[in-house]
Amino acid sequence: MQQAILRDGLLLSPAESPMSTLPPCPQCASEFAYADGASYVCPECAHEWPQQAAPGADETRVVRDSNGNVLRDGDSVTVIKDLKIKGSSSVVKVGTKVKNIRLVDGDHDIDCKIDGIGAMSLKSEFVKKA
């Protein structure tokens, strides 16, 4: 049974208590977690976790092709424009199909292997989902 808490001379119900706003421990589900600086601490299992999620932790990066379709790892794409390969005289021709892409962070957000050329990075704005 939860007890009422006295704060600033006022008796608070268990629903109004400051402990009720703290999340339970993500490891052991203990209700006795407390705030310590910028993190929460569980006194039962000694687990610590941040009070606020890291910036961008909830945001998932969405990569879209030239037509606005969402791309995912393992998709197949088609090149929509002749692409000169930097440092080489080779060109990736329009219509080249690239299988099993991998999405990465950065300006060139697609890593792939192109038959006859090898491993390279592409910008999603120059491909369309196949």
Protein backbone atom coordinates (compact mmCIF):
# COMPACT_ATOMS: atom_id res chain seq x y z
CA MET A 1 0.00 0.00 0.00
CA GLN A 2 1.34 3.43 -0.91
CA GLN A 3 1.43 6.11 1.73
CA ALA A 4 0.67 9.79 1.45
CA ILE A 5 3.68 12.12 1.22
CA LEU A 6 4.12 15.38 3.11
CA ARG A 7 5.52 18.23 0.98
CA ASP A 8 5.67 21.91 1.95
CA GLY A 9 3.34 21.22 4.86
CA LEU A 10 0.67 19.70 2.59
CA LEU A 11 -0.35 16.09 2.54
CA LEU A 12 -0.21 14.70 -0.99
CA SER A 13 -2.08 11.65 -2.18
CA PRO A 14 -0.01 8.86 -3.78
CA ALA A 15 -1.20 9.97 -7.24
CA GLU A 16 0.17 13.49 -6.62
CA SER A 17 3.49 12.36 -5.19
CA PRO A 18 6.65 13.25 -7.08
CA MET A 19 7.64 9.56 -7.15
CA SER A 20 4.66 8.74 -9.37
CA THR A 21 6.08 10.83 -12.23
CA LEU A 22 9.34 8.89 -12.38
CA PRO A 23 9.50 6.00 -14.84
CA PRO A 24 10.04 2.45 -13.58
CA CYS A 25 13.44 0.83 -14.06
CA PRO A 26 13.76 -0.54 -17.63
CA GLN A 27 15.74 -3.57 -16.39
CA CYS A 28 13.88 -4.77 -13.30
CA ALA A 29 10.65 -2.69 -13.47
CA SER A 30 11.19 -1.39 -9.94
CA GLU A 31 9.00 1.56 -8.96
CA PHE A 32 11.67 2.95 -6.64
CA ALA A 33 13.86 4.68 -9.23
CA TYR A 34 15.09 8.15 -8.33
CA ALA A 35 16.60 11.09 -10.19
CA ASP A 36 20.33 11.73 -9.76
CA GLY A 37 21.63 14.65 -11.79
CA ALA A 38 20.83 14.05 -15.46
CA SER A 39 19.97 10.38 -15.03
CA TYR A 40 17.67 8.00 -13.19
CA VAL A 41 19.02 5.34 -10.83
CA CYS A 42 17.39 2.12 -9.66
CA PRO A 43 18.31 1.29 -6.04
CA GLU A 44 17.37 -2.37 -6.47
CA CYS A 45 19.50 -3.37 -9.47
CA ALA A 46 21.84 -0.29 -9.65
CA HIS A 47 20.86 0.36 -13.30
CA GLU A 48 21.31 3.97 -14.50
CA TRP A 49 19.70 5.54 -17.58
CA PRO A 50 19.44 9.11 -18.92
CA GLN A 51 16.43 11.25 -18.02
CA GLN A 52 16.10 12.53 -21.57
CA ALA A 53 16.73 10.47 -24.66
CA ALA A 54 19.79 11.40 -26.67
CA PRO A 55 19.06 13.99 -29.37
CA GLY A 56 17.84 12.19 -32.46
CA ALA A 57 17.43 8.86 -30.69
CA ASP A 58 13.72 8.70 -31.50
CA GLU A 59 14.17 10.12 -34.96
CA THR A 60 14.74 7.53 -37.60
CA ARG A 61 16.39 8.82 -40.73
CA VAL A 62 14.26 8.35 -43.82
CA VAL A 63 16.07 8.04 -47.14
CA ARG A 64 13.98 8.68 -50.26
CA ASP A 65 14.72 8.09 -53.92
CA SER A 66 14.25 10.66 -56.71
CA ASN A 67 10.50 9.91 -56.85
CA GLY A 68 9.98 10.20 -53.09
CA ASN A 69 9.74 6.47 -52.36
CA VAL A 70 11.23 5.34 -49.05
CA LEU A 71 14.38 3.24 -49.45
CA ARG A 72 15.42 0.47 -47.05
CA ASP A 73 18.43 -1.79 -46.68
CA GLY A 74 18.31 -4.62 -49.21
CA ASP A 75 16.21 -2.77 -51.81
CA SER A 76 17.06 -2.74 -55.51
CA VAL A 77 17.37 0.60 -57.29
CA THR A 78 17.93 1.84 -60.84
CA VAL A 79 20.28 4.70 -61.74
CA ILE A 80 18.38 7.56 -63.43
CA LYS A 81 21.34 9.56 -64.76
CA ASP A 82 24.80 8.82 -66.17
CA LEU A 83 27.19 9.13 -63.22
CA LYS A 84 30.88 9.85 -63.76
CA ILE A 85 33.11 7.99 -61.31
CA LYS A 86 35.53 10.34 -59.60
CA GLY A 87 39.16 9.45 -60.33
CA SER A 88 38.27 7.11 -63.17
CA SER A 89 37.20 7.27 -66.79
CA SER A 90 34.32 4.85 -66.10
CA VAL A 91 30.67 5.87 -66.09
CA VAL A 92 27.67 4.28 -64.42
CA LYS A 93 25.11 4.32 -67.23
CA VAL A 94 21.47 5.32 -66.86
CA GLY A 95 19.28 2.27 -66.28
CA THR A 96 21.95 0.33 -64.36
CA LYS A 97 20.20 -1.85 -61.78
CA VAL A 98 21.82 -2.02 -58.34
CA LYS A 99 20.74 -4.83 -56.01
CA ASN A 100 20.94 -5.16 -52.25
CA ILE A 101 21.75 -1.56 -51.27
CA ARG A 102 22.83 -0.55 -47.78
CA LEU A 103 21.83 2.82 -46.30
CA VAL A 104 24.51 4.83 -44.48
CA ASP A 105 24.84 8.29 -42.95
CA GLY A 106 26.47 11.04 -44.94
CA ASP A 107 26.14 12.89 -48.22
CA HIS A 108 26.34 9.70 -50.30
CA ASP A 109 23.71 7.72 -48.42
CA ILE A 110 23.73 4.44 -50.37
CA ASP A 111 26.57 1.87 -50.31
CA CYS A 112 26.40 -0.80 -52.98
CA LYS A 113 28.30 -3.01 -55.40
CA ILE A 114 27.80 -2.43 -59.10
CA ASP A 115 28.63 -5.27 -61.50
CA GLY A 116 31.71 -4.44 -63.56
CA ILE A 117 32.65 -1.47 -61.38
CA GLY A 118 32.74 -2.65 -57.76
CA ALA A 119 31.86 -1.13 -54.41
CA MET A 120 30.81 2.51 -54.39
CA SER A 121 28.58 5.07 -52.73
CA LEU A 122 25.64 6.77 -54.44
CA LYS A 123 23.37 9.67 -53.64
CA SER A 124 19.72 8.71 -53.27
CA GLU A 125 18.66 11.60 -55.51
CA PHE A 126 20.17 9.80 -58.53
CA VAL A 127 18.31 6.51 -58.15
CA LYS A 128 14.75 5.26 -58.23
CA LYS A 129 13.35 2.21 -56.48
CA ALA A 130 13.16 -0.78 -58.81
